[in-house]
Protein backbone atom coordinates (compact mmCIF):
# COMPACT_ATOMS: atom_id res chain seq x y z
CA ASP A 1 -4.37 6.50 -18.70
CA GLU A 2 -7.88 7.26 -19.96
CA GLY A 3 -10.53 5.29 -18.12
CA GLY A 4 -7.91 3.61 -15.95
CA THR A 5 -7.32 3.88 -12.27
CA ALA A 6 -4.21 4.77 -10.35
CA THR A 7 -3.12 3.03 -7.17
CA VAL A 8 -0.22 4.03 -4.93
CA PHE A 9 1.43 1.87 -2.28
CA LEU A 10 3.19 3.85 0.45
CA CYS A 11 5.46 1.36 2.20
CA ALA A 12 7.58 2.05 5.25
CA ASN A 13 9.43 -0.92 6.66
CA TYR A 14 9.78 0.78 10.02
CA LYS A 15 9.41 -1.01 13.33
CA GLU A 16 6.93 1.71 14.22
CA LEU A 17 5.12 3.69 11.53
CA THR A 18 4.61 7.34 12.47
CA PHE A 19 1.79 9.67 11.56
CA GLY A 20 4.36 12.28 10.49
CA LYS A 21 5.84 9.91 7.88
CA VAL A 22 2.45 9.04 6.41
CA SER A 23 1.20 12.63 6.49
CA SER A 24 4.33 13.80 4.70
CA ASP A 25 3.99 11.12 2.02
CA LEU A 26 0.29 11.92 1.46
CA GLN A 27 1.12 15.62 1.13
CA LYS A 28 3.81 14.78 -1.44
CA LEU A 29 1.18 12.97 -3.50
CA VAL A 30 -1.06 16.05 -3.33
CA ALA A 31 1.82 18.33 -4.31
CA GLY A 32 2.53 16.08 -7.30
CA GLY A 33 -0.81 17.11 -8.75
CA HIS A 34 -2.15 13.66 -9.55
CA LYS A 35 -4.11 12.04 -6.76
CA PRO A 36 -4.45 8.30 -7.15
CA ASP A 37 -7.84 6.62 -6.96
CA GLU A 38 -6.62 4.39 -4.16
CA VAL A 39 -3.79 4.56 -1.63
CA PHE A 40 -2.44 1.70 0.45
CA VAL A 41 -0.35 2.62 3.48
CA ILE A 42 1.76 -0.34 4.62
CA GLY A 43 3.96 -0.29 7.72
CA GLY A 44 6.41 -2.98 8.80
CA GLY A 45 5.26 -3.23 12.40
CA ARG A 46 1.99 -3.19 14.28
CA ILE A 47 -0.39 -0.33 13.43
CA GLY A 48 -2.86 0.48 16.19
CA SER A 49 -6.45 1.55 15.68
CA ALA A 50 -5.79 5.15 16.76
CA LEU A 51 -3.03 5.57 14.16
CA ARG A 52 -5.20 3.92 11.48
CA ALA A 53 -8.04 6.34 12.25
CA ARG A 54 -5.69 9.32 12.22
CA ILE A 55 -4.20 8.29 8.86
CA LYS A 56 -7.65 7.83 7.33
CA ALA A 57 -8.79 11.19 8.70
CA GLU A 58 -5.73 12.90 7.19
CA ALA A 59 -6.35 11.20 3.85
CA ALA A 60 -9.98 12.34 3.91
CA ARG A 61 -8.89 15.89 4.77
CA LEU A 62 -6.61 15.82 1.73
CA ALA A 63 -9.54 14.51 -0.39
CA PHE A 64 -8.21 11.06 -1.20
CA LYS A 65 -11.00 8.77 -2.39
CA LYS A 66 -9.96 5.48 -0.85
CA VAL A 67 -7.24 4.67 1.69
CA SER A 68 -6.36 1.32 3.24
CA VAL A 69 -3.89 0.88 6.09
CA TRP A 70 -2.13 -2.47 6.55
CA SER A 71 0.54 -3.71 8.91
CA GLY A 72 3.33 -5.90 7.59
CA VAL A 73 1.55 -8.96 9.02
CA GLU A 74 -1.67 -8.02 7.23
CA LEU A 75 0.23 -7.62 3.95
CA GLU A 76 1.81 -11.04 4.38
CA GLU A 77 -1.58 -12.63 5.16
CA ARG A 78 -3.13 -11.04 2.07
CA ILE A 79 -0.28 -12.26 -0.13
CA ARG A 80 -0.52 -15.78 1.33
CA ASN A 81 -4.30 -15.88 0.80
CA GLU A 82 -4.70 -13.97 -2.45
CA ALA A 83 -1.39 -14.26 -4.31
CA PRO A 84 0.79 -17.13 -3.02
CA HIS A 85 2.70 -17.12 -6.32
CA LEU A 86 4.20 -13.77 -5.26
CA LEU A 87 5.69 -15.33 -2.12
CA ARG A 88 7.35 -18.01 -4.23
CA ARG A 89 8.77 -15.35 -6.50
CA PHE A 90 10.01 -13.01 -3.78
CA CYS A 91 11.06 -15.54 -1.14
CA GLU A 92 12.07 -18.60 -3.12
CA GLY A 93 13.52 -16.91 -6.19
CA GLU A 94 10.96 -18.25 -8.65
CA ALA A 95 11.24 -16.31 -11.90
CA PHE A 96 8.43 -14.03 -13.07
CA PRO A 97 6.70 -15.18 -16.26
CA ASP A 98 7.49 -13.41 -19.51
CA THR A 99 3.84 -13.27 -20.62
CA VAL A 100 0.42 -13.07 -19.01
CA ALA A 101 -0.45 -16.47 -20.50
CA GLU A 102 2.42 -18.05 -18.54
CA MET A 103 0.94 -16.79 -15.26
CA THR A 104 -1.93 -19.28 -15.30
């Protein structure tokens, strides 16, 4: 929308995330014609520094503005620290609120 930002989460719950998978997904975003302002790449297993650097280099080559790469453990830590209510909703079956006012 006008003045808004677009964020895309590329999630692959693989034991080992591959560069080929991420590169293919980034290229699909480019082919779609609408590059998001921010991309998060999230893999289920460990993501080493070499793969992180390679993913970020590929994103820069494709002219993405901002790319973050998280392992599954990093995602869980961020949710625990920044949005624990999401864990309750996804893991304990707590219902989502119907309105924004009910979220607080």
